[in-house]
Amino acid sequence: MPPHPNAKLFSAIVATQIAAVFMCAQGWLVPALPWSIIGWVWVYNLVWMVIQDIVKLGLYRRLEAGRTGRAFLGLRHPLDAHAGLHQHARTPHSLNANRVGKHRCKIS
């Protein structure tokens, strides 16, 4: 079973949408809109919601095929290939001025 939103969150979203529809229909804080226009806005939004969901699922499939997204982006190397270099640059050992290569210089 797919995950569902929390009941409190879902009811808050539904309540605000119903309030917004009545505000637009009655002309509270905005010019009054006819119910036909409100209906067309809902149809338009629902159609685009489905289109965006189809595109999102297609992108998820494409990214999953490449595991790291390399197949989708056409990259030869993973995006984090140089992350180790940046991480090494911030380690306390790299900030040590007396360090040469892998060995530390002993100063007497």
Protein backbone atom coordinates (compact mmCIF):
# COMPACT_ATOMS: atom_id res chain seq x y z
CA MET A 1 0.00 0.00 0.00
CA PRO A 2 1.43 3.44 -0.88
CA PRO A 3 2.11 5.89 1.94
CA HIS A 4 -0.67 8.31 2.71
CA PRO A 5 -0.38 11.81 4.21
CA ASN A 6 -1.22 12.39 7.83
CA ALA A 7 -4.98 12.90 8.35
CA LYS A 8 -4.48 16.32 10.00
CA LEU A 9 -2.32 17.54 7.11
CA PHE A 10 -4.73 16.19 4.50
CA SER A 11 -7.78 17.79 6.18
CA ALA A 12 -5.97 21.13 6.51
CA ILE A 13 -5.16 21.11 2.80
CA VAL A 14 -8.71 20.18 1.81
CA ALA A 15 -10.16 22.83 4.14
CA THR A 16 -7.96 25.58 2.70
CA GLN A 17 -8.88 24.59 -0.85
CA ILE A 18 -12.60 24.66 -0.04
CA ALA A 19 -12.21 28.03 1.70
CA ALA A 20 -10.31 29.43 -1.32
CA VAL A 21 -13.03 28.26 -3.72
CA PHE A 22 -15.77 29.92 -1.65
CA MET A 23 -13.70 33.09 -1.26
CA CYS A 24 -13.34 33.33 -5.05
CA ALA A 25 -17.00 32.52 -5.66
CA GLN A 26 -18.33 34.99 -3.07
CA GLY A 27 -15.83 37.77 -3.82
CA TRP A 28 -14.12 37.91 -0.44
CA LEU A 29 -10.81 39.81 -0.79
CA VAL A 30 -10.87 39.20 -4.56
CA PRO A 31 -13.32 40.04 -7.35
CA ALA A 32 -16.07 37.42 -7.52
CA LEU A 33 -15.56 34.69 -10.12
CA PRO A 34 -18.31 32.64 -11.72
CA TRP A 35 -18.46 28.94 -10.82
CA SER A 36 -17.71 28.01 -14.45
CA ILE A 37 -14.32 29.75 -14.30
CA ILE A 38 -13.54 28.18 -10.92
CA GLY A 39 -14.39 24.78 -12.43
CA TRP A 40 -12.11 25.38 -15.43
CA VAL A 41 -9.26 26.39 -13.13
CA TRP A 42 -9.71 23.11 -11.22
CA VAL A 43 -9.76 21.08 -14.45
CA TYR A 44 -6.66 22.90 -15.73
CA ASN A 45 -4.79 22.26 -12.46
CA LEU A 46 -5.77 18.60 -12.32
CA VAL A 47 -4.70 18.01 -15.94
CA TRP A 48 -1.30 19.61 -15.32
CA MET A 49 -0.92 17.66 -12.07
CA VAL A 50 -1.30 14.40 -14.02
CA ILE A 51 1.11 15.56 -16.74
CA GLN A 52 3.74 16.56 -14.17
CA ASP A 53 3.35 13.25 -12.37
CA ILE A 54 3.89 11.31 -15.62
CA VAL A 55 7.03 13.34 -16.37
CA LYS A 56 8.27 12.85 -12.78
CA LEU A 57 7.79 9.07 -12.96
CA GLY A 58 9.56 8.99 -16.33
CA LEU A 59 12.52 10.88 -14.89
CA TYR A 60 12.63 8.55 -11.88
CA ARG A 61 12.76 5.54 -14.21
CA ARG A 62 15.47 7.14 -16.30
CA LEU A 63 17.56 8.07 -13.27
CA GLU A 64 17.10 4.61 -11.75
CA ALA A 65 18.39 3.05 -14.96
CA GLY A 66 21.64 4.96 -14.59
CA ARG A 67 21.81 4.45 -10.80
CA THR A 68 23.67 7.76 -10.32
CA GLY A 69 22.08 9.70 -13.11
CA ARG A 70 25.03 9.31 -15.46
CA ALA A 71 22.88 7.72 -18.16
CA PHE A 72 20.41 10.61 -18.02
CA LEU A 73 22.94 13.43 -17.93
CA GLY A 74 25.36 11.87 -20.40
CA LEU A 75 28.26 12.16 -17.97
CA ARG A 76 31.30 9.92 -18.13
CA HIS A 77 32.12 10.31 -14.43
CA PRO A 78 29.83 10.45 -11.41
CA LEU A 79 29.02 13.93 -10.15
CA ASP A 80 30.88 13.34 -6.90
CA ALA A 81 34.07 11.96 -8.48
CA HIS A 82 36.17 14.75 -7.03
CA ALA A 83 34.43 14.93 -3.66
CA GLY A 84 37.37 13.12 -2.03
CA LEU A 85 39.74 15.88 -3.10
CA HIS A 86 37.56 18.57 -1.56
CA GLN A 87 37.08 16.56 1.61
CA HIS A 88 40.83 16.00 1.91
CA ALA A 89 41.47 19.71 1.55
CA ARG A 90 39.47 20.40 4.72
CA THR A 91 41.00 17.78 7.02
CA PRO A 92 43.11 18.95 9.97
CA HIS A 93 46.15 17.15 8.53
CA SER A 94 46.00 19.17 5.34
CA LEU A 95 46.07 22.37 7.37
CA ASN A 96 49.33 21.34 9.07
CA ALA A 97 52.10 23.50 7.63
CA ASN A 98 54.81 21.00 8.61
CA ARG A 99 53.37 18.19 6.52
CA VAL A 100 55.18 16.95 3.44
CA GLY A 101 53.49 14.24 1.43
CA LYS A 102 52.36 11.42 3.71
CA HIS A 103 55.06 12.04 6.32
CA ARG A 104 55.27 14.85 8.84
CA CYS A 105 58.49 16.75 9.27
CA LYS A 106 59.92 16.65 12.74
CA ILE A 107 61.08 20.02 13.93
CA SER A 108 63.57 19.95 16.82
